């Protein structure tokens, strides 16, 4: 009986470790969706810095989740911010295509968060 109790305790500790290692999906989704706001009217340096910060944080969040669909969506949006940063650094003014792609990416993220 004592061995069984130790085995159960071991399983509980492993389960708790796995839960703490993987951030709660709801909190990741809330933060990721909160990062979606971006002011394209900033000067190119500010916009590039803001886009890079958001991309970095989205990648961090992707590293914290176990859900593969959510992880992929976070990486896709992070890549989108890097593309925006590069576009503004090169002074390419037309952001309409980026805005449309980002709207589609956010829709996919919302679906993954459900």
PDB file of N, CA and C in Angstrom:
ATOM      1  N   UNK A   1       0.829  -1.192   0.000  1.00  0.00           N
ATOM      2  CA  UNK A   1       0.000   0.000   0.000  1.00  0.00           C
ATOM      3  C   UNK A   1       0.872   1.253   0.000  1.00  0.00           C
ATOM      4  N   UNK A   2       1.979   1.180   0.725  1.00  0.00           N
ATOM      5  CA  UNK A   2       2.878   2.322   0.802  1.00  0.00           C
ATOM      6  C   UNK A   2       3.505   2.607  -0.566  1.00  0.00           C
ATOM      7  N   UNK A   3       3.852   1.558  -1.303  1.00  0.00           N
ATOM      8  CA  UNK A   3       4.438   1.725  -2.630  1.00  0.00           C
ATOM      9  C   UNK A   3       3.413   2.351  -3.574  1.00  0.00           C
ATOM     10  N   UNK A   4       2.170   1.920  -3.472  1.00  0.00           N
ATOM     11  CA  UNK A   4       1.115   2.488  -4.308  1.00  0.00           C
ATOM     12  C   UNK A   4       0.949   3.977  -4.013  1.00  0.00           C
ATOM     13  N   UNK A   5       0.987   4.340  -2.739  1.00  0.00           N
ATOM     14  CA  UNK A   5       0.871   5.750  -2.348  1.00  0.00           C
ATOM     15  C   UNK A   5       2.008   6.582  -2.909  1.00  0.00           C
ATOM     16  N   UNK A   6       3.217   6.044  -2.880  1.00  0.00           N
ATOM     17  CA  UNK A   6       4.362   6.759  -3.436  1.00  0.00           C
ATOM     18  C   UNK A   6       4.248   6.897  -4.953  1.00  0.00           C
ATOM     19  N   UNK A   7       3.728   5.862  -5.596  1.00  0.00           N
ATOM     20  CA  UNK A   7       3.550   5.914  -7.049  1.00  0.00           C
ATOM     21  C   UNK A   7       2.529   6.985  -7.422  1.00  0.00           C
ATOM     22  N   UNK A   8       1.433   7.046  -6.677  1.00  0.00           N
ATOM     23  CA  UNK A   8       0.403   8.056  -6.937  1.00  0.00           C
ATOM     24  C   UNK A   8       0.977   9.448  -6.695  1.00  0.00           C
ATOM     25  N   UNK A   9       1.733   9.604  -5.623  1.00  0.00           N
ATOM     26  CA  UNK A   9       2.352  10.894  -5.325  1.00  0.00           C
ATOM     27  C   UNK A   9       3.293  11.302  -6.458  1.00  0.00           C
ATOM     28  N   UNK A  10       4.053  10.346  -6.957  1.00  0.00           N
ATOM     29  CA  UNK A  10       4.954  10.626  -8.076  1.00  0.00           C
ATOM     30  C   UNK A  10       4.204  11.080  -9.309  1.00  0.00           C
ATOM     31  N   UNK A  11       3.098  10.413  -9.608  1.00  0.00           N
ATOM     32  CA  UNK A  11       2.285  10.809 -10.762  1.00  0.00           C
ATOM     33  C   UNK A  11       1.697  12.206 -10.582  1.00  0.00           C
ATOM     34  N   UNK A  12       1.257  12.507  -9.368  1.00  0.00           N
ATOM     35  CA  UNK A  12       0.705  13.833  -9.097  1.00  0.00           C
ATOM     36  C   UNK A  12       1.763  14.914  -9.265  1.00  0.00           C
ATOM     37  N   UNK A  13       2.972  14.637  -8.805  1.00  0.00           N
ATOM     38  CA  UNK A  13       4.048  15.615  -8.937  1.00  0.00           C
ATOM     39  C   UNK A  13       4.401  15.850 -10.408  1.00  0.00           C
ATOM     40  N   UNK A  14       4.420  14.793 -11.186  1.00  0.00           N
ATOM     41  CA  UNK A  14       4.691  14.929 -12.619  1.00  0.00           C
ATOM     42  C   UNK A  14       3.584  15.737 -13.281  1.00  0.00           C
ATOM     43  N   UNK A  15       2.347  15.450 -12.944  1.00  0.00           N
ATOM     44  CA  UNK A  15       1.217  16.179 -13.522  1.00  0.00           C
ATOM     45  C   UNK A  15       1.276  17.655 -13.145  1.00  0.00           C
ATOM     46  N   UNK A  16       1.585  17.948 -11.886  1.00  0.00           N
ATOM     47  CA  UNK A  16       1.685  19.340 -11.448  1.00  0.00           C
ATOM     48  C   UNK A  16       2.814  20.054 -12.177  1.00  0.00           C
ATOM     49  N   UNK A  17       3.917  19.371 -12.374  1.00  0.00           N
ATOM     50  CA  UNK A  17       5.045  19.956 -13.087  1.00  0.00           C
ATOM     51  C   UNK A  17       4.659  20.280 -14.523  1.00  0.00           C
ATOM     52  N   UNK A  18       3.913  19.387 -15.160  1.00  0.00           N
ATOM     53  CA  UNK A  18       3.489  19.621 -16.540  1.00  0.00           C
ATOM     54  C   UNK A  18       2.513  20.789 -16.616  1.00  0.00           C
ATOM     55  N   UNK A  19       1.641  20.907 -15.653  1.00  0.00           N
ATOM     56  CA  UNK A  19       0.675  22.006 -15.637  1.00  0.00           C
ATOM     57  C   UNK A  19       1.393  23.331 -15.452  1.00  0.00           C
ATOM     58  N   UNK A  20       2.360  23.384 -14.538  1.00  0.00           N
ATOM     59  CA  UNK A  20       3.052  24.645 -14.305  1.00  0.00           C
ATOM     60  C   UNK A  20       3.984  24.995 -15.455  1.00  0.00           C
ATOM     61  N   UNK A  21       4.470  24.011 -16.189  1.00  0.00           N
ATOM     62  CA  UNK A  21       5.366  24.275 -17.311  1.00  0.00           C
ATOM     63  C   UNK A  21       4.611  24.814 -18.516  1.00  0.00           C
ATOM     64  N   UNK A  22       3.364  24.519 -18.638  1.00  0.00           N
ATOM     65  CA  UNK A  22       2.559  24.981 -19.765  1.00  0.00           C
ATOM     66  C   UNK A  22       1.609  26.066 -19.276  1.00  0.00           C
ATOM     67  N   UNK A  23       1.791  27.245 -19.823  1.00  0.00           N
ATOM     68  CA  UNK A  23       0.955  28.364 -19.413  1.00  0.00           C
ATOM     69  C   UNK A  23      -0.488  28.123 -19.830  1.00  0.00           C
ATOM     70  N   UNK A  24      -1.392  28.597 -19.009  1.00  0.00           N
ATOM     71  CA  UNK A  24      -2.820  28.487 -19.258  1.00  0.00           C
ATOM     72  C   UNK A  24      -3.169  29.079 -20.627  1.00  0.00           C
ATOM     73  N   UNK A  25      -3.844  28.303 -21.452  1.00  0.00           N
ATOM     74  CA  UNK A  25      -4.204  28.702 -22.817  1.00  0.00           C
ATOM     75  C   UNK A  25      -4.999  30.004 -22.817  1.00  0.00           C
ATOM     76  N   UNK A  26      -5.927  30.140 -21.889  1.00  0.00           N
ATOM     77  CA  UNK A  26      -6.765  31.341 -21.857  1.00  0.00           C
ATOM     78  C   UNK A  26      -5.940  32.594 -21.603  1.00  0.00           C
ATOM     79  N   UNK A  27      -4.973  32.521 -20.696  1.00  0.00           N
ATOM     80  CA  UNK A  27      -4.163  33.709 -20.410  1.00  0.00           C
ATOM     81  C   UNK A  27      -3.244  34.045 -21.578  1.00  0.00           C
ATOM     82  N   UNK A  28      -2.722  33.019 -22.258  1.00  0.00           N
ATOM     83  CA  UNK A  28      -1.891  33.265 -23.443  1.00  0.00           C
ATOM     84  C   UNK A  28      -2.727  33.920 -24.534  1.00  0.00           C
ATOM     85  N   UNK A  29      -3.921  33.406 -24.754  1.00  0.00           N
ATOM     86  CA  UNK A  29      -4.805  33.983 -25.774  1.00  0.00           C
ATOM     87  C   UNK A  29      -5.141  35.432 -25.453  1.00  0.00           C
ATOM     88  N   UNK A  30      -5.458  35.696 -24.208  1.00  0.00           N
ATOM     89  CA  UNK A  30      -5.808  37.062 -23.820  1.00  0.00           C
ATOM     90  C   UNK A  30      -4.643  38.014 -24.062  1.00  0.00           C
ATOM     91  N   UNK A  31      -3.454  37.599 -23.671  1.00  0.00           N
ATOM     92  CA  UNK A  31      -2.294  38.471 -23.879  1.00  0.00           C
ATOM     93  C   UNK A  31      -1.984  38.637 -25.363  1.00  0.00           C
ATOM     94  N   UNK A  32      -2.024  37.537 -26.111  1.00  0.00           N
ATOM     95  CA  UNK A  32      -1.708  37.601 -27.541  1.00  0.00           C
ATOM     96  C   UNK A  32      -2.692  38.505 -28.282  1.00  0.00           C
ATOM     97  N   UNK A  33      -3.965  38.377 -27.969  1.00  0.00           N
ATOM     98  CA  UNK A  33      -4.959  39.233 -28.621  1.00  0.00           C
ATOM     99  C   UNK A  33      -4.784  40.686 -28.200  1.00  0.00           C
ATOM    100  N   UNK A  34      -4.332  40.905 -26.974  1.00  0.00           N
ATOM    101  CA  UNK A  34      -4.050  42.260 -26.512  1.00  0.00           C
ATOM    102  C   UNK A  34      -2.862  42.892 -27.220  1.00  0.00           C
ATOM    103  N   UNK A  35      -1.963  42.067 -27.718  1.00  0.00           N
ATOM    104  CA  UNK A  35      -0.794  42.571 -28.440  1.00  0.00           C
ATOM    105  C   UNK A  35      -1.119  42.967 -29.877  1.00  0.00           C
ATOM    106  N   UNK A  36      -2.332  42.708 -30.307  1.00  0.00           N
ATOM    107  CA  UNK A  36      -2.667  42.897 -31.720  1.00  0.00           C
ATOM    108  C   UNK A  36      -2.811  44.356 -32.126  1.00  0.00           C
ATOM    109  N   UNK A  37      -2.902  45.252 -31.165  1.00  0.00           N
ATOM    110  CA  UNK A  37      -3.040  46.660 -31.542  1.00  0.00           C
ATOM    111  C   UNK A  37      -1.674  47.222 -31.945  1.00  0.00           C
ATOM    112  N   UNK A  38      -1.657  48.000 -32.994  1.00  0.00           N
ATOM    113  CA  UNK A  38      -0.421  48.587 -33.498  1.00  0.00           C
ATOM    114  C   UNK A  38      -0.780  49.868 -34.223  1.00  0.00           C
ATOM    115  N   UNK A  39      -0.027  50.911 -33.962  1.00  0.00           N
ATOM    116  CA  UNK A  39      -0.286  52.200 -34.592  1.00  0.00           C
ATOM    117  C   UNK A  39       0.658  52.378 -35.783  1.00  0.00           C
ATOM    118  N   UNK A  40       0.181  52.162 -37.002  1.00  0.00           N
ATOM    119  CA  UNK A  40       1.051  52.287 -38.177  1.00  0.00           C
ATOM    120  C   UNK A  40       1.440  53.725 -38.497  1.00  0.00           C
ATOM    121  N   UNK A  41       0.892  54.701 -37.762  1.00  0.00           N
ATOM    122  CA  UNK A  41       1.214  56.103 -38.007  1.00  0.00           C
ATOM    123  C   UNK A  41       2.432  56.581 -37.235  1.00  0.00           C
ATOM    124  N   UNK A  42       3.063  55.692 -36.478  1.00  0.00           N
ATOM    125  CA  UNK A  42       4.287  56.050 -35.781  1.00  0.00           C
ATOM    126  C   UNK A  42       5.400  56.257 -36.793  1.00  0.00           C
ATOM    127  N   UNK A  43       6.462  56.949 -36.351  1.00  0.00           N
ATOM    128  CA  UNK A  43       7.588  57.067 -37.276  1.00  0.00           C
ATOM    129  C   UNK A  43       8.211  55.682 -37.466  1.00  0.00           C
ATOM    130  N   UNK A  44       8.923  55.465 -38.558  1.00  0.00           N
ATOM    131  CA  UNK A  44       9.413  54.119 -38.895  1.00  0.00           C
ATOM    132  C   UNK A  44      10.226  53.446 -37.792  1.00  0.00           C
ATOM    133  N   UNK A  45      11.047  54.205 -37.079  1.00  0.00           N
ATOM    134  CA  UNK A  45      11.853  53.605 -36.018  1.00  0.00           C
ATOM    135  C   UNK A  45      10.989  53.125 -34.855  1.00  0.00           C
ATOM    136  N   UNK A  46      10.019  53.949 -34.460  1.00  0.00           N
ATOM    137  CA  UNK A  46       9.125  53.562 -33.367  1.00  0.00           C
ATOM    138  C   UNK A  46       8.273  52.361 -33.753  1.00  0.00           C
ATOM    139  N   UNK A  47       7.764  52.369 -34.971  1.00  0.00           N
ATOM    140  CA  UNK A  47       6.939  51.259 -35.433  1.00  0.00           C
ATOM    141  C   UNK A  47       7.755  49.971 -35.491  1.00  0.00           C
ATOM    142  N   UNK A  48       8.980  50.071 -35.988  1.00  0.00           N
ATOM    143  CA  UNK A  48       9.840  48.892 -36.070  1.00  0.00           C
ATOM    144  C   UNK A  48      10.135  48.347 -34.680  1.00  0.00           C
ATOM    145  N   UNK A  49      10.420  49.236 -33.732  1.00  0.00           N
ATOM    146  CA  UNK A  49      10.710  48.792 -32.365  1.00  0.00           C
ATOM    147  C   UNK A  49       9.481  48.142 -31.737  1.00  0.00           C
ATOM    148  N   UNK A  50       8.317  48.756 -31.927  1.00  0.00           N
ATOM    149  CA  UNK A  50       7.082  48.205 -31.367  1.00  0.00           C
ATOM    150  C   UNK A  50       6.753  46.852 -31.994  1.00  0.00           C
ATOM    151  N   UNK A  51       6.924  46.748 -33.298  1.00  0.00           N
ATOM    152  CA  UNK A  51       6.651  45.480 -33.984  1.00  0.00           C
ATOM    153  C   UNK A  51       7.604  44.392 -33.498  1.00  0.00           C
ATOM    154  N   UNK A  52       8.881  44.732 -33.299  1.00  0.00           N
ATOM    155  CA  UNK A  52       9.852  43.741 -32.826  1.00  0.00           C
ATOM    156  C   UNK A  52       9.515  43.280 -31.413  1.00  0.00           C
ATOM    157  N   UNK A  53       9.119  44.212 -30.541  1.00  0.00           N
ATOM    158  CA  UNK A  53       8.735  43.842 -29.173  1.00  0.00           C
ATOM    159  C   UNK A  53       7.548  42.889 -29.185  1.00  0.00           C
ATOM    160  N   UNK A  54       6.573  43.181 -30.003  1.00  0.00           N
ATOM    161  CA  UNK A  54       5.393  42.318 -30.080  1.00  0.00           C
ATOM    162  C   UNK A  54       5.760  40.945 -30.635  1.00  0.00           C
ATOM    163  N   UNK A  55       6.595  40.917 -31.666  1.00  0.00           N
ATOM    164  CA  UNK A  55       7.024  39.639 -32.247  1.00  0.00           C
ATOM    165  C   UNK A  55       7.772  38.806 -31.211  1.00  0.00           C
ATOM    166  N   UNK A  56       8.661  39.450 -30.461  1.00  0.00           N
ATOM    167  CA  UNK A  56       9.424  38.729 -29.430  1.00  0.00           C
ATOM    168  C   UNK A  56       8.497  38.144 -28.372  1.00  0.00           C
ATOM    169  N   UNK A  57       7.537  38.937 -27.920  1.00  0.00           N
ATOM    170  CA  UNK A  57       6.622  38.462 -26.873  1.00  0.00           C
ATOM    171  C   UNK A  57       5.731  37.334 -27.395  1.00  0.00           C
ATOM    172  N   UNK A  58       5.264  37.451 -28.630  1.00  0.00           N
ATOM    173  CA  UNK A  58       4.435  36.389 -29.206  1.00  0.00           C
ATOM    174  C   UNK A  58       5.221  35.084 -29.317  1.00  0.00           C
ATOM    175  N   UNK A  59       6.495  35.182 -29.658  1.00  0.00           N
ATOM    176  CA  UNK A  59       7.332  33.976 -29.721  1.00  0.00           C
ATOM    177  C   UNK A  59       7.524  33.374 -28.329  1.00  0.00           C
ATOM    178  N   UNK A  60       7.699  34.238 -27.329  1.00  0.00           N
ATOM    179  CA  UNK A  60       7.804  33.744 -25.948  1.00  0.00           C
ATOM    180  C   UNK A  60       6.530  33.001 -25.553  1.00  0.00           C
ATOM    181  N   UNK A  61       5.395  33.593 -25.864  1.00  0.00           N
ATOM    182  CA  UNK A  61       4.116  32.953 -25.541  1.00  0.00           C
ATOM    183  C   UNK A  61       3.978  31.621 -26.267  1.00  0.00           C
ATOM    184  N   UNK A  62       4.389  31.578 -27.527  1.00  0.00           N
ATOM    185  CA  UNK A  62       4.303  30.326 -28.294  1.00  0.00           C
ATOM    186  C   UNK A  62       5.137  29.232 -27.644  1.00  0.00           C
ATOM    187  N   UNK A  63       6.248  29.619 -27.048  1.00  0.00           N
ATOM    188  CA  UNK A  63       7.097  28.648 -26.372  1.00  0.00           C
ATOM    189  C   UNK A  63       6.510  28.129 -25.074  1.00  0.00           C
ATOM    190  N   UNK A  64       5.457  28.766 -24.593  1.00  0.00           N
ATOM    191  CA  UNK A  64       4.864  28.388 -23.312  1.00  0.00           C
ATOM    192  C   UNK A  64       3.612  27.535 -23.441  1.00  0.00           C
ATOM    193  N   UNK A  65       3.128  27.330 -24.651  1.00  0.00           N
ATOM    194  CA  UNK A  65       1.874  26.586 -24.807  1.00  0.00           C
ATOM    195  C   UNK A  65       2.117  25.210 -25.405  1.00  0.00           C
ATOM    196  N   UNK A  66       1.265  24.279 -25.039  1.00  0.00           N
ATOM    197  CA  UNK A  66       1.361  22.920 -25.567  1.00  0.00           C
ATOM    198  C   UNK A  66       0.502  22.747 -26.817  1.00  0.00           C
ATOM    199  N   UNK A  67      -0.571  23.506 -26.922  1.00  0.00           N
ATOM    200  CA  UNK A  67      -1.495  23.401 -28.052  1.00  0.00           C
ATOM    201  C   UNK A  67      -0.768  23.798 -29.341  1.00  0.00           C
ATOM    202  N   UNK A  68      -0.602  22.850 -30.248  1.00  0.00           N
ATOM    203  CA  UNK A  68       0.177  23.088 -31.470  1.00  0.00           C
ATOM    204  C   UNK A  68      -0.487  24.088 -32.414  1.00  0.00           C
ATOM    205  N   UNK A  69      -1.801  24.077 -32.485  1.00  0.00           N
ATOM    206  CA  UNK A  69      -2.509  25.020 -33.346  1.00  0.00           C
ATOM    207  C   UNK A  69      -2.304  26.448 -32.847  1.00  0.00           C
ATOM    208  N   UNK A  70      -2.454  26.637 -31.550  1.00  0.00           N
ATOM    209  CA  UNK A  70      -2.242  27.949 -30.953  1.00  0.00           C
ATOM    210  C   UNK A  70      -0.793  28.383 -31.137  1.00  0.00           C
ATOM    211  N   UNK A  71       0.135  27.474 -30.890  1.00  0.00           N
ATOM    212  CA  UNK A  71       1.560  27.774 -31.049  1.00  0.00           C
ATOM    213  C   UNK A  71       1.851  28.257 -32.476  1.00  0.00           C
ATOM    214  N   UNK A  72       1.337  27.548 -33.470  1.00  0.00           N
ATOM    215  CA  UNK A  72       1.582  27.921 -34.866  1.00  0.00           C
ATOM    216  C   UNK A  72       0.987  29.287 -35.187  1.00  0.00           C
ATOM    217  N   UNK A  73      -0.205  29.566 -34.669  1.00  0.00           N
ATOM    218  CA  UNK A  73      -0.824  30.875 -34.898  1.00  0.00           C
ATOM    219  C   UNK A  73      -0.010  31.994 -34.273  1.00  0.00           C
ATOM    220  N   UNK A  74       0.529  31.763 -33.098  1.00  0.00           N
ATOM    221  CA  UNK A  74       1.361  32.777 -32.445  1.00  0.00           C
ATOM    222  C   UNK A  74       2.625  33.046 -33.256  1.00  0.00           C
ATOM    223  N   UNK A  75       3.251  31.987 -33.757  1.00  0.00           N
ATOM    224  CA  UNK A  75       4.443  32.168 -34.592  1.00  0.00           C
ATOM    225  C   UNK A  75       4.107  32.903 -35.892  1.00  0.00           C
ATOM    226  N   UNK A  76       2.958  32.601 -36.476  1.00  0.00           N
ATOM    227  CA  UNK A  76       2.548  33.261 -37.720  1.00  0.00           C
ATOM    228  C   UNK A  76       2.364  34.758 -37.504  1.00  0.00           C
ATOM    229  N   UNK A  77       1.721  35.125 -36.405  1.00  0.00           N
ATOM    230  CA  UNK A  77       1.514  36.546 -36.126  1.00  0.00           C
ATOM    231  C   UNK A  77       2.843  37.219 -35.798  1.00  0.00           C
ATOM    232  N   UNK A  78       3.712  36.537 -35.068  1.00  0.00           N
ATOM    233  CA  UNK A  78       5.043  37.088 -34.781  1.00  0.00           C
ATOM    234  C   UNK A  78       5.789  37.357 -36.087  1.00  0.00           C
ATOM    235  N   UNK A  79       5.738  36.406 -37.008  1.00  0.00           N
ATOM    236  CA  UNK A  79       6.388  36.590 -38.311  1.00  0.00           C
ATOM    237  C   UNK A  79       5.786  37.775 -39.059  1.00  0.00           C
ATOM    238  N   UNK A  80       4.491  37.971 -38.900  1.00  0.00           N
ATOM    239  CA  UNK A  80       3.810  39.089 -39.543  1.00  0.00           C
ATOM    240  C   UNK A  80       4.339  40.423 -39.015  1.00  0.00           C
ATOM    241  N   UNK A  81       4.584  40.507 -37.717  1.00  0.00           N
ATOM    242  CA  UNK A  81       5.132  41.737 -37.145  1.00  0.00           C
ATOM    243  C   UNK A  81       6.559  41.978 -37.617  1.00  0.00           C
ATOM    244  N   UNK A  82       7.338  40.918 -37.773  1.00  0.00           N
ATOM    245  CA  UNK A  82       8.698  41.069 -38.300  1.00  0.00           C
ATOM    246  C   UNK A  82       8.640  41.591 -39.734  1.00  0.00           C
ATOM    247  N   UNK A  83       7.698  41.070 -40.525  1.00  0.00           N
ATOM    248  CA  UNK A  83       7.533  41.542 -41.906  1.00  0.00           C
ATOM    249  C   UNK A  83       7.150  43.020 -41.923  1.00  0.00           C
ATOM    250  N   UNK A  84       6.295  43.431 -40.993  1.00  0.00           N
ATOM    251  CA  UNK A  84       5.911  44.841 -40.910  1.00  0.00           C
ATOM    252  C   UNK A  84       7.118  45.689 -40.550  1.00  0.00           C
ATOM    253  N   UNK A  85       7.895  45.215 -39.596  1.00  0.00           N
ATOM    254  CA  UNK A  85       9.093  45.946 -39.178  1.00  0.00           C
ATOM    255  C   UNK A  85      10.029  46.146 -40.373  1.00  0.00           C
ATOM    256  N   UNK A  86      10.247  45.093 -41.142  1.00  0.00           N
ATOM    257  CA  UNK A  86      11.125  45.183 -42.313  1.00  0.00           C
ATOM    258  C   UNK A  86      10.542  46.123 -43.361  1.00  0.00           C
ATOM    259  N   UNK A  87       9.252  46.047 -43.540  1.00  0.00           N
ATOM    260  CA  UNK A  87       8.579  46.886 -44.538  1.00  0.00           C
ATOM    261  C   UNK A  87       8.724  48.368 -44.182  1.00  0.00           C
ATOM    262  N   UNK A  88       8.504  48.708 -42.916  1.00  0.00           N
ATOM    263  CA  UNK A  88       8.619  50.103 -42.499  1.00  0.00           C
ATOM    264  C   UNK A  88      10.073  50.560 -42.523  1.00  0.00           C
ATOM    265  N   UNK A  89      11.002  49.675 -42.177  1.00  0.00           N
ATOM    266  CA  UNK A  89      12.420  50.030 -42.210  1.00  0.00           C
ATOM    267  C   UNK A  89      12.857  50.351 -43.638  1.00  0.00           C
ATOM    268  N   UNK A  90      12.225  49.705 -44.600  1.00  0.00           N
ATOM    269  CA  UNK A  90      12.540  49.954 -46.010  1.00  0.00           C
ATOM    270  C   UNK A  90      11.677  51.088 -46.576  1.00  0.00           C
ATOM    271  N   UNK A  91      10.895  51.722 -45.708  1.00  0.00           N
ATOM    272  CA  UNK A  91      10.045  52.858 -46.071  1.00  0.00           C
ATOM    273  C   UNK A  91       9.031  52.509 -47.156  1.00  0.00           C
ATOM    274  N   UNK A  92       8.476  51.337 -47.064  1.00  0.00           N
ATOM    275  CA  UNK A  92       7.402  50.944 -47.979  1.00  0.00           C
ATOM    276  C   UNK A  92       6.088  51.348 -47.329  1.00  0.00           C
ATOM    277  N   UNK A  93       5.459  52.348 -47.877  1.00  0.00           N
ATOM    278  CA  UNK A  93       4.320  52.963 -47.226  1.00  0.00           C
ATOM    279  C   UNK A  93       3.016  52.193 -47.252  1.00  0.00           C
ATOM    280  N   UNK A  94       2.730  51.433 -48.291  1.00  0.00           N
ATOM    281  CA  UNK A  94       1.434  50.775 -48.412  1.00  0.00           C
ATOM    282  C   UNK A  94       1.354  49.573 -47.481  1.00  0.00           C
ATOM    283  N   UNK A  95       0.562  49.716 -46.438  1.00  0.00           N
ATOM    284  CA  UNK A  95       0.436  48.650 -45.445  1.00  0.00           C
ATOM    285  C   UNK A  95      -0.889  47.913 -45.557  1.00  0.00           C
ATOM    286  N   UNK A  96      -1.673  48.230 -46.571  1.00  0.00           N
ATOM    287  CA  UNK A  96      -2.994  47.613 -46.695  1.00  0.00           C
ATOM    288  C   UNK A  96      -2.928  46.098 -46.768  1.00  0.00           C
ATOM    289  N   UNK A  97      -1.972  45.566 -47.526  1.00  0.00           N
ATOM    290  CA  UNK A  97      -1.873  44.109 -47.626  1.00  0.00           C
ATOM    291  C   UNK A  97      -1.470  43.497 -46.290  1.00  0.00           C
ATOM    292  N   UNK A  98      -0.581  44.182 -45.544  1.00  0.00           N
ATOM    293  CA  UNK A  98      -0.188  43.681 -44.228  1.00  0.00           C
ATOM    294  C   UNK A  98      -1.390  43.692 -43.283  1.00  0.00           C
ATOM    295  N   UNK A  99      -2.155  44.770 -43.316  1.00  0.00           N
ATOM    296  CA  UNK A  99      -3.327  44.887 -42.441  1.00  0.00           C
ATOM    297  C   UNK A  99      -4.314  43.756 -42.728  1.00  0.00           C
ATOM    298  N   UNK A 100      -4.552  43.467 -43.999  1.00  0.00           N
ATOM    299  CA  UNK A 100      -5.483  42.391 -44.362  1.00  0.00           C
ATOM    300  C   UNK A 100      -4.964  41.030 -43.900  1.00  0.00           C
ATOM    301  N   UNK A 101      -3.672  40.763 -44.142  1.00  0.00           N
ATOM    302  CA  UNK A 101      -3.077  39.491 -43.699  1.00  0.00           C
ATOM    303  C   UNK A 101      -3.148  39.369 -42.186  1.00  0.00           C
ATOM    304  N   UNK A 102      -2.861  40.471 -41.492  1.00  0.00           N
ATOM    305  CA  UNK A 102      -2.885  40.437 -40.036  1.00  0.00           C
ATOM    306  C   UNK A 102      -4.301  40.201 -39.523  1.00  0.00           C
ATOM    307  N   UNK A 103      -5.294  40.776 -40.173  1.00  0.00           N
ATOM    308  CA  UNK A 103      -6.688  40.534 -39.778  1.00  0.00           C
ATOM    309  C   UNK A 103      -7.030  39.055 -39.934  1.00  0.00           C
ATOM    310  N   UNK A 104      -6.577  38.452 -41.020  1.00  0.00           N
ATOM    311  CA  UNK A 104      -6.802  37.011 -41.223  1.00  0.00           C
ATOM    312  C   UNK A 104      -6.074  36.187 -40.167  1.00  0.00           C
ATOM    313  N   UNK A 105      -4.842  36.585 -39.846  1.00  0.00           N
ATOM    314  CA  UNK A 105      -4.072  35.877 -38.816  1.00  0.00           C
ATOM    315  C   UNK A 105      -4.754  35.973 -37.453  1.00  0.00           C
ATOM    316  N   UNK A 106      -5.298  37.143 -37.142  1.00  0.00           N
ATOM    317  CA  UNK A 106      -5.989  37.315 -35.863  1.00  0.00           C
ATOM    318  C   UNK A 106      -7.264  36.483 -35.805  1.00  0.00           C
ATOM    319  N   UNK A 107      -7.946  36.362 -36.923  1.00  0.00           N
ATOM    320  CA  UNK A 107      -9.135  35.498 -36.963  1.00  0.00           C
ATOM    321  C   UNK A 107      -8.755  34.051 -36.686  1.00  0.00           C
ATOM    322  N   UNK A 108      -7.644  33.612 -37.260  1.00  0.00           N
ATOM    323  CA  UNK A 108      -7.164  32.246 -37.016  1.00  0.00           C
ATOM    324  C   UNK A 108      -6.761  32.068 -35.557  1.00  0.00           C
ATOM    325  N   UNK A 109      -6.140  33.096 -34.964  1.00  0.00           N
ATOM    326  CA  UNK A 109      -5.770  33.024 -33.549  1.00  0.00           C
ATOM    327  C   UNK A 109      -7.018  32.927 -32.677  1.00  0.00           C
ATOM    328  N   UNK A 110      -8.010  33.744 -32.963  1.00  0.00           N
ATOM    329  CA  UNK A 110      -9.256  33.679 -32.181  1.00  0.00           C
ATOM    330  C   UNK A 110      -9.877  32.286 -32.258  1.00  0.00           C
ATOM    331  N   UNK A 111      -9.858  31.694 -33.438  1.00  0.00           N
ATOM    332  CA  UNK A 111     -10.411  30.339 -33.602  1.00  0.00           C
ATOM    333  C   UNK A 111      -9.604  29.324 -32.801  1.00  0.00           C
ATOM    334  N   UNK A 112      -8.285  29.472 -32.782  1.00  0.00           N
ATOM    335  CA  UNK A 112      -7.438  28.547 -32.025  1.00  0.00           C
ATOM    336  C   UNK A 112      -7.637  28.713 -30.525  1.00  0.00           C
ATOM    337  N   UNK A 113      -8.055  29.891 -30.114  1.00  0.00           N
ATOM    338  CA  UNK A 113      -8.246  30.161 -28.686  1.00  0.00           C
ATOM    339  C   UNK A 113      -9.575  29.631 -28.156  1.00  0.00           C
ATOM    340  N   UNK A 114     -10.487  29.270 -29.017  1.00  0.00           N
ATOM    341  CA  UNK A 114     -11.796  28.769 -28.571  1.00  0.00           C
ATOM    342  C   UNK A 114     -11.702  27.362 -28.049  1.00  0.00           C
TER     343      UNK A 114
END
